Structure formats: C-alpha cells, structure tokens
Amino acid sequence: MLQTDYNKVYTSPAQEASRFQIFKDNLNLIKEHNDKYNRGLVSYKLGITPFADMNEDDFSTYSNKPQQKSPPDAKASASPKRHVFVAATKDWRDEQVITKVRDQTFSCASSWAFAAAAAIESNLAIENGRLYTLSPQNLIDCVNNEGVDTCKSGSVKNAFHYVRSKGIMTEAEYPYTAHQDVCSFVSNKSVTNIVTYREVPSGSEEQLQEVVSDTGLVAAAIHATRHFFLYKGGHFYDTTCNSDVRRLNYAVLVVGYNYEERNEYWILKNSMGKRWGIDGYMHLARNRENNCGIATAAYYPVFH
C-alpha cells in the first residue's frame, strides 16, 4: 500500500523488509494515538503519510541540522512594536496570495528554502497584486552555507539575506531538482529583491499574531517531531516539542490563525505535498507556551 500510494522504491529485499517493519511500528503508534484522540485525550490525529516507513533516525536526517552561522551582515531588524487592530481570525488563503502546496521530496531537507520563497512570493502579492511562484532551488544552489550541503542545513534568515542582496527567480525559470547544484542565478531574470527582513520578538505569539493580522505571512522555524511527520488533522499540541532555538529543525509558512471552541491554532503551510496533514497544511496549537517554537525564530520580508 505505501509503495504504490507514495511511489516508494527500495534498493534491496532487506531494505524493503526493514522499512515494512518500521511501517508496522508506525501503524501501531498511529492506532494507539488515534484511540486517545477518539476518547478526547489528545487534540490531533495521526495517519499514514509519505513518512510512515521512517523512524526517528530518518526524521532526523530529513529535517534540517542545527542552523549554520549567518553572514556577518545578515541581521534582521526587530519587528516594530505597534498598536494595531488585530483581527480575531485571519487566513491569507482567502486573499488569493498563496501558491499551491509543493513537495520538497525525500531527497532534500529544504523546508527552509520553501518557507522563505513562499513568504516572499505571498507578501509580494500583497504588495503589488501579482502572485509569482518563486524558486526554492535558486536559494538551495546560491545561498552561502559555509560549505555545508543546503539539502542538509539552511535557514530562512540566510535565504532572506541572499534575496536582499541578489534577488530571486521564478520556479519556471529555475526549477526544483531536490539536490544542491552550481548556482545558476541570472540577475536580469530576478522577480524581486527585498529591502530588509524583520524578526518577530522571540517567543511572542502575541506579536506574531499582530504581524500576520496586519502585515502578511511569516516564515517560522519549528521543532518537528515524529508526530509532526505523521500528522493528519486536528489541533497539533505535542508535549515532546521544544521551543529552544537549538532544537528548531524545520521551517513552515504561517498563513493565518483561527479558533474552534476553546482551541486556538495557527494555520501553517508545509512543503511535504498535499497528502500530508490537512491537504498540506497544519493547525498548530496557538497561545500554548510557544508550542514547537512557532514564535522563537520567525521572520518576514519587507519591500519598502
């Protein structure tokens, strides 16, 4: 089932047998967790996703390693403290400023590049009314990562720094290959630069809500756990998540926030394809002690 549904290819019968055992272990985990969900003991459900034959070591490989140092001048300006009207709910998908959910594939841990490109393309659409699909591959190939493979480590901050100084091309002009290659950026094909980028005060979900309500979408680093990779719905509140910046290992796009009864949640766009989560999105618990570090390292681009 997993092989046919998700085009899984194994290199040997031994690997296939090993993956099948991991798959069975994950099925047991999913069943035990969803029994708790059905009894109202947890707020989210798990299911078969493209990662159902992966174990903790695999998840660690797929997610980003601790972020490399930023260039000396790659410093975000602080998000200004403002007293703005904050909407009770917000979903930027309603404004037609968000591109379709994409899939970074198993070959490249490039969530940082997808989140950065998505933040720029959506906020640019808010600015000028035109929605481009920008190129994560441009960032993977061209962002200076101190010699470290950008399919193994990267940061939204460094991506924004690059676009500020160089620009970024469209996906059509610079298509995704799921591996790091020689930088092929062509300056006269760049769609946009950014003037700067700002950081939401670390740990402040209140400030994050203000930015999403009043300004636009935010690229945020989070701590992705085993349950994150198997998420299929509900309000994700994982007590094993860590908000320490040293544990952040994945990046997502914050596209809005909402609530259902007493459950407040962030709406997150992922880059794992539409068969993960809620058609590629997650509802992450909001105002619950910065769950999974959603507000620990959150950045957004500025165009003027």
C-alpha atoms as a PDB file:
ATOM      1  CA  MET A   1       0.000   0.000   0.000  1.00  0.00           C
ATOM      2  CA  LEU A   2       2.701   2.502   0.983  1.00  0.00           C
ATOM      3  CA  GLN A   3       4.858   1.578  -2.019  1.00  0.00           C
ATOM      4  CA  THR A   4       2.079   2.039  -4.561  1.00  0.00           C
ATOM      5  CA  ASP A   5       0.459   5.086  -2.948  1.00  0.00           C
ATOM      6  CA  TYR A   6       3.714   7.010  -2.428  1.00  0.00           C
ATOM      7  CA  ASN A   7       5.953   5.546  -5.166  1.00  0.00           C
ATOM      8  CA  LYS A   8       8.360   4.063  -2.655  1.00  0.00           C
ATOM      9  CA  VAL A   9      11.340   2.275  -4.190  1.00  0.00           C
ATOM     10  CA  TYR A  10      13.676   0.165  -2.058  1.00  0.00           C
ATOM     11  CA  THR A  11      17.177  -0.842  -3.068  1.00  0.00           C
ATOM     12  CA  SER A  12      17.065  -4.423  -1.804  1.00  0.00           C
ATOM     13  CA  PRO A  13      14.718  -7.037  -0.276  1.00  0.00           C
ATOM     14  CA  ALA A  14      16.472  -6.463   3.068  1.00  0.00           C
ATOM     15  CA  GLN A  15      15.733  -2.734   2.964  1.00  0.00           C
ATOM     16  CA  GLU A  16      12.134  -3.424   1.979  1.00  0.00           C
ATOM     17  CA  ALA A  17      11.737  -5.809   4.929  1.00  0.00           C
ATOM     18  CA  SER A  18      13.280  -3.248   7.301  1.00  0.00           C
ATOM     19  CA  ARG A  19      11.002  -0.481   6.033  1.00  0.00           C
ATOM     20  CA  PHE A  20       7.964  -2.727   6.308  1.00  0.00           C
ATOM     21  CA  GLN A  21       8.769  -3.390   9.964  1.00  0.00           C
ATOM     22  CA  ILE A  22       9.111   0.353  10.627  1.00  0.00           C
ATOM     23  CA  PHE A  23       5.810   0.876   8.813  1.00  0.00           C
ATOM     24  CA  LYS A  24       4.113  -1.678  11.105  1.00  0.00           C
ATOM     25  CA  ASP A  25       5.615   0.027  14.163  1.00  0.00           C
ATOM     26  CA  ASN A  26       4.272   3.374  12.975  1.00  0.00           C
ATOM     27  CA  LEU A  27       0.851   1.845  12.307  1.00  0.00           C
ATOM     28  CA  ASN A  28       0.766   0.687  15.942  1.00  0.00           C
ATOM     29  CA  LEU A  29       1.792   4.188  17.079  1.00  0.00           C
ATOM     30  CA  ILE A  30      -0.925   5.733  14.897  1.00  0.00           C
ATOM     31  CA  LYS A  31      -3.589   3.348  16.210  1.00  0.00           C
ATOM     32  CA  GLU A  32      -2.682   3.892  19.873  1.00  0.00           C
ATOM     33  CA  HIS A  33      -2.584   7.671  19.419  1.00  0.00           C
ATOM     34  CA  ASN A  34      -5.865   7.836  17.497  1.00  0.00           C
ATOM     35  CA  ASP A  35      -7.591   5.748  20.167  1.00  0.00           C
ATOM     36  CA  LYS A  36      -6.659   8.563  22.562  1.00  0.00           C
ATOM     37  CA  TYR A  37      -7.893  11.141  20.019  1.00  0.00           C
ATOM     38  CA  ASN A  38     -11.252   9.379  19.731  1.00  0.00           C
ATOM     39  CA  ARG A  39     -11.564   9.424  23.540  1.00  0.00           C
ATOM     40  CA  GLY A  40     -10.803  13.153  23.642  1.00  0.00           C
ATOM     41  CA  LEU A  41      -7.452  12.699  25.394  1.00  0.00           C
ATOM     42  CA  VAL A  42      -5.376  14.385  22.674  1.00  0.00           C
ATOM     43  CA  SER A  43      -6.296  17.160  20.239  1.00  0.00           C
ATOM     44  CA  TYR A  44      -4.860  15.856  16.964  1.00  0.00           C
ATOM     45  CA  LYS A  45      -4.800  12.675  14.930  1.00  0.00           C
ATOM     46  CA  LEU A  46      -2.047  10.805  13.127  1.00  0.00           C
ATOM     47  CA  GLY A  47      -2.219   8.799   9.917  1.00  0.00           C
ATOM     48  CA  ILE A  48      -0.364   7.233   7.031  1.00  0.00           C
ATOM     49  CA  THR A  49       1.704   9.929   5.347  1.00  0.00           C
ATOM     50  CA  PRO A  50       4.662   9.706   2.942  1.00  0.00           C
ATOM     51  CA  PHE A  51       6.824   9.278   6.065  1.00  0.00           C
ATOM     52  CA  ALA A  52       5.102   6.216   7.504  1.00  0.00           C
ATOM     53  CA  ASP A  53       8.072   3.918   6.766  1.00  0.00           C
ATOM     54  CA  MET A  54      10.564   6.224   8.502  1.00  0.00           C
ATOM     55  CA  ASN A  55      11.883   6.049  12.063  1.00  0.00           C
ATOM     56  CA  GLU A  56      13.380   8.675  14.378  1.00  0.00           C
ATOM     57  CA  ASP A  57      16.796   8.491  12.708  1.00  0.00           C
ATOM     58  CA  ASP A  58      15.196   9.030   9.302  1.00  0.00           C
ATOM     59  CA  PHE A  59      13.187  12.005  10.548  1.00  0.00           C
ATOM     60  CA  SER A  60      16.388  13.497  11.922  1.00  0.00           C
ATOM     61  CA  THR A  61      18.049  13.119   8.513  1.00  0.00           C
ATOM     62  CA  TYR A  62      15.077  14.607   6.670  1.00  0.00           C
ATOM     63  CA  SER A  63      14.780  17.641   8.896  1.00  0.00           C
ATOM     64  CA  ASN A  64      17.411  20.386   8.974  1.00  0.00           C
ATOM     65  CA  LYS A  65      20.507  20.111  11.096  1.00  0.00           C
ATOM     66  CA  PRO A  66      21.078  22.976  13.551  1.00  0.00           C
ATOM     67  CA  GLN A  67      21.320  26.137  11.506  1.00  0.00           C
ATOM     68  CA  GLN A  68      24.702  27.351  10.320  1.00  0.00           C
ATOM     69  CA  LYS A  69      26.044  30.768  11.229  1.00  0.00           C
ATOM     70  CA  SER A  70      24.588  33.685   9.332  1.00  0.00           C
ATOM     71  CA  PRO A  71      26.816  36.041   7.318  1.00  0.00           C
ATOM     72  CA  PRO A  72      28.124  38.909   9.489  1.00  0.00           C
ATOM     73  CA  ASP A  73      25.694  41.420   7.996  1.00  0.00           C
ATOM     74  CA  ALA A  74      22.713  39.059   7.885  1.00  0.00           C
ATOM     75  CA  LYS A  75      20.866  40.677  10.740  1.00  0.00           C
ATOM     76  CA  ALA A  76      17.125  41.097  10.783  1.00  0.00           C
ATOM     77  CA  SER A  77      15.674  44.314  12.080  1.00  0.00           C
ATOM     78  CA  ALA A  78      13.306  43.907  15.002  1.00  0.00           C
ATOM     79  CA  SER A  79       9.622  43.903  14.268  1.00  0.00           C
ATOM     80  CA  PRO A  80       8.390  47.316  15.453  1.00  0.00           C
ATOM     81  CA  LYS A  81       6.098  47.424  18.447  1.00  0.00           C
ATOM     82  CA  ARG A  82       2.799  48.684  17.176  1.00  0.00           C
ATOM     83  CA  HIS A  83      -0.703  49.160  18.434  1.00  0.00           C
ATOM     84  CA  VAL A  84      -2.708  47.866  15.515  1.00  0.00           C
ATOM     85  CA  PHE A  85      -6.113  46.341  15.077  1.00  0.00           C
ATOM     86  CA  VAL A  86      -5.738  42.589  15.416  1.00  0.00           C
ATOM     87  CA  ALA A  87      -8.410  40.518  13.709  1.00  0.00           C
ATOM     88  CA  ALA A  88      -9.949  37.689  15.725  1.00  0.00           C
ATOM     89  CA  THR A  89      -9.200  35.334  12.828  1.00  0.00           C
ATOM     90  CA  LYS A  90      -7.072  35.603   9.709  1.00  0.00           C
ATOM     91  CA  ASP A  91      -6.476  33.332   6.733  1.00  0.00           C
ATOM     92  CA  TRP A  92      -4.443  34.790   3.888  1.00  0.00           C
ATOM     93  CA  ARG A  93      -5.637  31.975   1.602  1.00  0.00           C
ATOM     94  CA  ASP A  94      -8.877  33.942   1.351  1.00  0.00           C
ATOM     95  CA  GLU A  95      -6.947  36.785  -0.327  1.00  0.00           C
ATOM     96  CA  GLN A  96      -5.603  34.594  -3.176  1.00  0.00           C
ATOM     97  CA  VAL A  97      -1.987  35.419  -2.301  1.00  0.00           C
ATOM     98  CA  ILE A  98      -0.719  31.880  -1.668  1.00  0.00           C
ATOM     99  CA  THR A  99       0.635  29.416  -4.224  1.00  0.00           C
ATOM    100  CA  LYS A 100      -0.227  25.725  -4.250  1.00  0.00           C
ATOM    101  CA  VAL A 101       1.335  23.327  -1.742  1.00  0.00           C
ATOM    102  CA  ARG A 102       4.631  21.962  -3.052  1.00  0.00           C
ATOM    103  CA  ASP A 103       6.674  18.858  -2.225  1.00  0.00           C
ATOM    104  CA  GLN A 104      10.338  19.116  -1.342  1.00  0.00           C
ATOM    105  CA  THR A 105      10.584  15.275  -1.704  1.00  0.00           C
ATOM    106  CA  PHE A 106      12.634  12.858   0.389  1.00  0.00           C
ATOM    107  CA  SER A 107      15.893  13.763  -1.343  1.00  0.00           C
ATOM    108  CA  CYS A 108      16.432  17.240   0.122  1.00  0.00           C
ATOM    109  CA  ALA A 109      15.720  18.714   3.562  1.00  0.00           C
ATOM    110  CA  SER A 110      14.922  22.100   2.044  1.00  0.00           C
ATOM    111  CA  SER A 111      11.966  23.313   4.107  1.00  0.00           C
ATOM    112  CA  TRP A 112      13.921  26.498   4.901  1.00  0.00           C
ATOM    113  CA  ALA A 113      14.125  27.370   1.182  1.00  0.00           C
ATOM    114  CA  PHE A 114      10.452  26.591   0.516  1.00  0.00           C
ATOM    115  CA  ALA A 115       9.303  28.619   3.532  1.00  0.00           C
ATOM    116  CA  ALA A 116      11.470  31.596   2.578  1.00  0.00           C
ATOM    117  CA  ALA A 117      10.382  31.565  -1.078  1.00  0.00           C
ATOM    118  CA  ALA A 118       6.730  31.209  -0.039  1.00  0.00           C
ATOM    119  CA  ALA A 119       6.960  34.142   2.385  1.00  0.00           C
ATOM    120  CA  ILE A 120       8.473  36.378  -0.289  1.00  0.00           C
ATOM    121  CA  GLU A 121       6.039  35.407  -3.063  1.00  0.00           C
ATOM    122  CA  SER A 122       2.958  35.813  -0.869  1.00  0.00           C
ATOM    123  CA  ASN A 123       3.988  39.100   0.729  1.00  0.00           C
ATOM    124  CA  LEU A 124       4.971  40.420  -2.704  1.00  0.00           C
ATOM    125  CA  ALA A 125       1.472  39.545  -3.921  1.00  0.00           C
ATOM    126  CA  ILE A 126       0.020  41.511  -1.000  1.00  0.00           C
ATOM    127  CA  GLU A 127       2.190  44.472  -2.044  1.00  0.00           C
ATOM    128  CA  ASN A 128       1.548  44.545  -5.786  1.00  0.00           C
ATOM    129  CA  GLY A 129      -1.328  42.180  -6.516  1.00  0.00           C
ATOM    130  CA  ARG A 130       0.685  39.746  -8.642  1.00  0.00           C
ATOM    131  CA  LEU A 131       1.387  36.228  -7.403  1.00  0.00           C
ATOM    132  CA  TYR A 132       4.567  34.529  -8.635  1.00  0.00           C
ATOM    133  CA  THR A 133       5.769  31.026  -7.799  1.00  0.00           C
ATOM    134  CA  LEU A 134       9.350  31.659  -6.695  1.00  0.00           C
ATOM    135  CA  SER A 135      12.258  29.239  -6.816  1.00  0.00           C
ATOM    136  CA  PRO A 136      13.443  27.365  -3.709  1.00  0.00           C
ATOM    137  CA  GLN A 137      16.128  25.804  -5.921  1.00  0.00           C
ATOM    138  CA  ASN A 138      17.597  29.265  -6.538  1.00  0.00           C
ATOM    139  CA  LEU A 139      18.124  29.510  -2.774  1.00  0.00           C
ATOM    140  CA  ILE A 140      19.394  25.948  -2.357  1.00  0.00           C
ATOM    141  CA  ASP A 141      22.066  26.476  -5.019  1.00  0.00           C
ATOM    142  CA  CYS A 142      23.065  30.053  -4.269  1.00  0.00           C
ATOM    143  CA  VAL A 143      22.783  30.800  -0.543  1.00  0.00           C
ATOM    144  CA  ASN A 144      26.187  30.802   1.142  1.00  0.00           C
ATOM    145  CA  ASN A 145      26.108  27.997   3.713  1.00  0.00           C
ATOM    146  CA  GLU A 146      29.804  27.829   4.637  1.00  0.00           C
ATOM    147  CA  GLY A 147      30.403  24.717   2.549  1.00  0.00           C
ATOM    148  CA  VAL A 148      27.581  22.733   4.170  1.00  0.00           C
ATOM    149  CA  ASP A 149      25.132  20.960   1.833  1.00  0.00           C
ATOM    150  CA  THR A 150      21.986  23.107   1.742  1.00  0.00           C
ATOM    151  CA  CYS A 151      19.895  19.940   1.416  1.00  0.00           C
ATOM    152  CA  LYS A 152      21.060  19.105   4.934  1.00  0.00           C
ATOM    153  CA  SER A 153      21.114  22.509   6.618  1.00  0.00           C
ATOM    154  CA  GLY A 154      19.864  26.003   5.918  1.00  0.00           C
ATOM    155  CA  SER A 155      17.965  28.930   7.394  1.00  0.00           C
ATOM    156  CA  VAL A 156      15.208  31.319   6.387  1.00  0.00           C
ATOM    157  CA  LYS A 157      17.353  34.183   7.629  1.00  0.00           C
ATOM    158  CA  ASN A 158      20.200  33.391   5.253  1.00  0.00           C
ATOM    159  CA  ALA A 159      17.713  32.982   2.406  1.00  0.00           C
ATOM    160  CA  PHE A 160      16.271  36.446   3.045  1.00  0.00           C
ATOM    161  CA  HIS A 161      19.774  37.873   3.260  1.00  0.00           C
ATOM    162  CA  TYR A 162      20.560  36.428  -0.175  1.00  0.00           C
ATOM    163  CA  VAL A 163      17.369  37.778  -1.779  1.00  0.00           C
ATOM    164  CA  ARG A 164      18.017  41.191  -0.283  1.00  0.00           C
ATOM    165  CA  SER A 165      21.390  41.400  -1.995  1.00  0.00           C
ATOM    166  CA  LYS A 166      20.798  39.363  -5.176  1.00  0.00           C
ATOM    167  CA  GLY A 167      17.108  38.744  -5.864  1.00  0.00           C
ATOM    168  CA  ILE A 168      15.195  35.556  -6.715  1.00  0.00           C
ATOM    169  CA  MET A 169      13.958  33.900  -9.899  1.00  0.00           C
ATOM    170  CA  THR A 170      10.698  32.083 -10.566  1.00  0.00           C
ATOM    171  CA  GLU A 171      10.198  28.341 -10.292  1.00  0.00           C
ATOM    172  CA  ALA A 172       9.610  28.198 -14.061  1.00  0.00           C
ATOM    173  CA  GLU A 173      12.983  29.835 -14.754  1.00  0.00           C
ATOM    174  CA  TYR A 174      14.842  27.917 -12.037  1.00  0.00           C
ATOM    175  CA  PRO A 175      13.050  24.570 -11.465  1.00  0.00           C
ATOM    176  CA  TYR A 176      13.397  22.315  -8.440  1.00  0.00           C
ATOM    177  CA  THR A 177      15.864  19.398  -8.654  1.00  0.00           C
ATOM    178  CA  ALA A 178      15.939  18.312  -4.979  1.00  0.00           C
ATOM    179  CA  HIS A 179      19.723  18.492  -4.710  1.00  0.00           C
ATOM    180  CA  GLN A 180      22.315  21.223  -4.367  1.00  0.00           C
ATOM    181  CA  ASP A 181      23.967  22.248  -7.619  1.00  0.00           C
ATOM    182  CA  VAL A 182      26.053  25.079  -9.040  1.00  0.00           C
ATOM    183  CA  CYS A 183      24.376  28.465  -8.648  1.00  0.00           C
ATOM    184  CA  SER A 184      22.676  29.397 -11.928  1.00  0.00           C
ATOM    185  CA  PHE A 185      21.105  32.691 -10.882  1.00  0.00           C
ATOM    186  CA  VAL A 186      20.591  35.209 -13.709  1.00  0.00           C
ATOM    187  CA  SER A 187      20.152  38.724 -12.341  1.00  0.00           C
ATOM    188  CA  ASN A 188      18.009  40.072 -15.175  1.00  0.00           C
ATOM    189  CA  LYS A 189      15.526  37.247 -14.604  1.00  0.00           C
ATOM    190  CA  SER A 190      15.051  38.097 -10.922  1.00  0.00           C
ATOM    191  CA  VAL A 191      11.456  38.893  -9.975  1.00  0.00           C
ATOM    192  CA  THR A 192      12.192  40.898  -6.844  1.00  0.00           C
ATOM    193  CA  ASN A 193      14.591  41.885  -4.117  1.00  0.00           C
ATOM    194  CA  ILE A 194      13.611  42.720  -0.571  1.00  0.00           C
ATOM    195  CA  VAL A 195      14.692  45.861   1.252  1.00  0.00           C
ATOM    196  CA  THR A 196      15.147  44.074   4.552  1.00  0.00           C
ATOM    197  CA  TYR A 197      13.574  41.395   6.710  1.00  0.00           C
ATOM    198  CA  ARG A 198      12.237  41.564  10.224  1.00  0.00           C
ATOM    199  CA  GLU A 199      12.201  39.223  13.169  1.00  0.00           C
ATOM    200  CA  VAL A 200       9.182  38.730  15.376  1.00  0.00           C
ATOM    201  CA  PRO A 201      10.253  39.230  19.029  1.00  0.00           C
ATOM    202  CA  SER A 202      11.378  35.767  20.031  1.00  0.00           C
ATOM    203  CA  GLY A 203       8.763  33.759  21.877  1.00  0.00           C
ATOM    204  CA  SER A 204       5.933  36.281  21.453  1.00  0.00           C
ATOM    205  CA  GLU A 205       2.879  34.679  19.906  1.00  0.00           C
ATOM    206  CA  GLU A 206       1.049  37.949  20.514  1.00  0.00           C
ATOM    207  CA  GLN A 207       3.491  39.825  18.285  1.00  0.00           C
ATOM    208  CA  LEU A 208       3.355  37.039  15.708  1.00  0.00           C
ATOM    209  CA  GLN A 209      -0.421  37.394  15.589  1.00  0.00           C
ATOM    210  CA  GLU A 210      -0.112  41.164  15.085  1.00  0.00           C
ATOM    211  CA  VAL A 211       2.244  40.703  12.135  1.00  0.00           C
ATOM    212  CA  VAL A 212       0.092  38.028  10.480  1.00  0.00           C
ATOM    213  CA  SER A 213      -3.060  40.095  11.010  1.00  0.00           C
ATOM    214  CA  ASP A 214      -1.689  43.456   9.874  1.00  0.00           C
ATOM    215  CA  THR A 215       1.280  42.807   7.575  1.00  0.00           C
ATOM    216  CA  GLY A 216       1.369  39.389   5.973  1.00  0.00           C
ATOM    217  CA  LEU A 217       2.784  35.905   6.087  1.00  0.00           C
ATOM    218  CA  VAL A 218       5.712  34.774   8.212  1.00  0.00           C
ATOM    219  CA  ALA A 219       8.345  32.064   7.713  1.00  0.00           C
ATOM    220  CA  ALA A 220       8.973  30.314  11.023  1.00  0.00           C
ATOM    221  CA  ALA A 221      11.426  27.675  12.203  1.00  0.00           C
ATOM    222  CA  ILE A 222       9.884  24.982  14.405  1.00  0.00           C
ATOM    223  CA  HIS A 223      10.808  21.779  16.209  1.00  0.00           C
ATOM    224  CA  ALA A 224       9.415  18.950  14.050  1.00  0.00           C
ATOM    225  CA  THR A 225       8.860  15.715  15.983  1.00  0.00           C
ATOM    226  CA  ARG A 226       7.930  12.190  14.916  1.00  0.00           C
ATOM    227  CA  HIS A 227       4.264  13.055  15.380  1.00  0.00           C
ATOM    228  CA  PHE A 228       4.692  16.113  13.157  1.00  0.00           C
ATOM    229  CA  PHE A 229       5.702  13.900  10.227  1.00  0.00           C
ATOM    230  CA  LEU A 230       2.665  11.635  10.788  1.00  0.00           C
ATOM    231  CA  TYR A 231       0.157  14.469  11.388  1.00  0.00           C
ATOM    232  CA  LYS A 232      -3.216  14.098   9.639  1.00  0.00           C
ATOM    233  CA  GLY A 233      -5.559  16.573  11.335  1.00  0.00           C
ATOM    234  CA  GLY A 234      -6.807  18.280  14.478  1.00  0.00           C
ATOM    235  CA  HIS A 235      -5.057  20.865  16.643  1.00  0.00           C
ATOM    236  CA  PHE A 236      -1.428  19.831  16.955  1.00  0.00           C
ATOM    237  CA  TYR A 237      -0.175  20.159  20.525  1.00  0.00           C
ATOM    238  CA  ASP A 238       2.825  17.912  21.085  1.00  0.00           C
ATOM    239  CA  THR A 239       4.267  17.879  24.589  1.00  0.00           C
ATOM    240  CA  THR A 240       7.555  16.496  23.206  1.00  0.00           C
ATOM    241  CA  CYS A 241       8.061  19.642  21.112  1.00  0.00           C
ATOM    242  CA  ASN A 242      10.789  22.023  22.238  1.00  0.00           C
ATOM    243  CA  SER A 243      10.809  25.797  21.742  1.00  0.00           C
ATOM    244  CA  ASP A 244      14.572  26.197  22.308  1.00  0.00           C
ATOM    245  CA  VAL A 245      16.218  27.738  19.244  1.00  0.00           C
ATOM    246  CA  ARG A 246      18.846  24.965  19.306  1.00  0.00           C
ATOM    247  CA  ARG A 247      16.135  22.350  18.692  1.00  0.00           C
ATOM    248  CA  LEU A 248      14.462  24.039  15.726  1.00  0.00           C
ATOM    249  CA  ASN A 249      14.892  21.747  12.741  1.00  0.00           C
ATOM    250  CA  TYR A 250      12.206  22.603  10.201  1.00  0.00           C
ATOM    251  CA  ALA A 251      10.557  25.640   8.586  1.00  0.00           C
ATOM    252  CA  VAL A 252       6.952  26.417   7.685  1.00  0.00           C
ATOM    253  CA  LEU A 253       4.867  29.361   6.484  1.00  0.00           C
ATOM    254  CA  VAL A 254       2.386  30.929   8.909  1.00  0.00           C
ATOM    255  CA  VAL A 255      -0.602  31.821   6.721  1.00  0.00           C
ATOM    256  CA  GLY A 256      -3.128  32.695   9.428  1.00  0.00           C
ATOM    257  CA  TYR A 257      -4.785  31.769  12.679  1.00  0.00           C
ATOM    258  CA  ASN A 258      -8.229  30.766  13.913  1.00  0.00           C
ATOM    259  CA  TYR A 259     -10.045  29.055  16.770  1.00  0.00           C
ATOM    260  CA  GLU A 260     -12.639  26.351  17.272  1.00  0.00           C
ATOM    261  CA  GLU A 261     -14.435  26.408  20.596  1.00  0.00           C
ATOM    262  CA  ARG A 262     -11.560  26.789  23.073  1.00  0.00           C
ATOM    263  CA  ASN A 263      -8.851  25.618  20.671  1.00  0.00           C
ATOM    264  CA  GLU A 264      -6.802  28.470  19.208  1.00  0.00           C
ATOM    265  CA  TYR A 265      -4.478  27.485  16.384  1.00  0.00           C
ATOM    266  CA  TRP A 266      -2.002  28.721  13.786  1.00  0.00           C
ATOM    267  CA  ILE A 267      -2.562  27.779  10.141  1.00  0.00           C
ATOM    268  CA  LEU A 268       0.733  26.520   8.713  1.00  0.00           C
ATOM    269  CA  LYS A 269       1.607  25.746   5.103  1.00  0.00           C
ATOM    270  CA  ASN A 270       4.102  22.913   4.722  1.00  0.00           C
ATOM    271  CA  SER A 271       6.178  21.660   1.780  1.00  0.00           C
ATOM    272  CA  MET A 272       5.560  17.914   2.118  1.00  0.00           C
ATOM    273  CA  GLY A 273       2.876  17.661  -0.565  1.00  0.00           C
ATOM    274  CA  LYS A 274      -0.909  17.574  -0.216  1.00  0.00           C
ATOM    275  CA  ARG A 275      -1.047  14.041   1.222  1.00  0.00           C
ATOM    276  CA  TRP A 276       0.499  15.223   4.473  1.00  0.00           C
ATOM    277  CA  GLY A 277      -1.658  16.893   7.120  1.00  0.00           C
ATOM    278  CA  ILE A 278      -4.822  18.719   6.051  1.00  0.00           C
ATOM    279  CA  ASP A 279      -4.172  18.922   2.297  1.00  0.00           C
ATOM    280  CA  GLY A 280      -0.616  20.049   3.051  1.00  0.00           C
ATOM    281  CA  TYR A 281      -1.499  22.345   5.970  1.00  0.00           C
ATOM    282  CA  MET A 282      -1.368  22.038   9.750  1.00  0.00           C
ATOM    283  CA  HIS A 283      -3.359  23.543  12.591  1.00  0.00           C
ATOM    284  CA  LEU A 284      -0.763  24.119  15.329  1.00  0.00           C
ATOM    285  CA  ALA A 285      -1.866  24.937  18.872  1.00  0.00           C
ATOM    286  CA  ARG A 286      -1.704  28.706  19.500  1.00  0.00           C
ATOM    287  CA  ASN A 287      -1.034  30.516  22.763  1.00  0.00           C
ATOM    288  CA  ARG A 288       0.110  27.320  24.443  1.00  0.00           C
ATOM    289  CA  GLU A 289       3.579  28.307  25.617  1.00  0.00           C
ATOM    290  CA  ASN A 290       5.032  28.794  22.144  1.00  0.00           C
ATOM    291  CA  ASN A 291       4.393  25.176  21.208  1.00  0.00           C
ATOM    292  CA  CYS A 292       7.074  23.709  18.926  1.00  0.00           C
ATOM    293  CA  GLY A 293       8.838  27.092  18.966  1.00  0.00           C
ATOM    294  CA  ILE A 294       6.483  28.692  16.430  1.00  0.00           C
ATOM    295  CA  ALA A 295       7.464  32.210  17.588  1.00  0.00           C
ATOM    296  CA  THR A 296      11.090  31.513  18.538  1.00  0.00           C
ATOM    297  CA  ALA A 297      12.655  32.313  15.146  1.00  0.00           C
ATOM    298  CA  ALA A 298      10.016  33.845  12.867  1.00  0.00           C
ATOM    299  CA  TYR A 299      10.878  36.250  10.017  1.00  0.00           C
ATOM    300  CA  TYR A 300       9.107  38.169   7.276  1.00  0.00           C
ATOM    301  CA  PRO A 301      10.338  40.157   4.261  1.00  0.00           C
ATOM    302  CA  VAL A 302       9.927  43.911   3.818  1.00  0.00           C
ATOM    303  CA  PHE A 303       9.714  45.514   0.366  1.00  0.00           C
ATOM    304  CA  HIS A 304       9.905  49.222   1.204  1.00  0.00           C
END
